Amino acid sequence: QLQFVESGGGLVQPGGSLRLSCVVSGFNVGDDLNYYGVGWVRQAPGKAREEISCSGVGDDLIHYQDSVKGRFTFSRDNAKNTMYLQMDNLKPEDTGVYFCGVAVHYHCQDPGEALGLDYWGKGIVVTVSS
């Protein structure tokens, strides 16, 4: 059973930065994040989940939703079974609960495919407000 530990959320003023981390554990023997597509989604209060970014298995490309391009940077460290989301120039509309997710052997060619990931963390709250 995969387990997720998400950290780095909190309250930040508009224009500020946060870095989210997501450590994944509970892999079967011989398995690790190398074999998984990974991504982030978020859910604003009263709204549906929306994609942020997605990276497929064995793929160096990162796909971003248009509203976060140039402000958010997604990275993964497979050796540490960890993914990160560096968020800069945050805006009030970035407020929400952020979720990291994975899916084995998952290929991602569009940020919207992040919504198709199978396993999810519990989410971490990000609030952008003055």
Foldseek 3Di string as FASTA:
>chain_A
DKAKDKDWADEAAQQAKIKIKIAIDDDDVPDWCLQKKKAKWWDAPPGDIAFAWIAARPGPDIAGDPVQPPFWDWDDDGVRSMIMIIGGSDDQVVWGWMKMAIAGRDHDDHRRCNVVGDDIHPTDGHGYHD
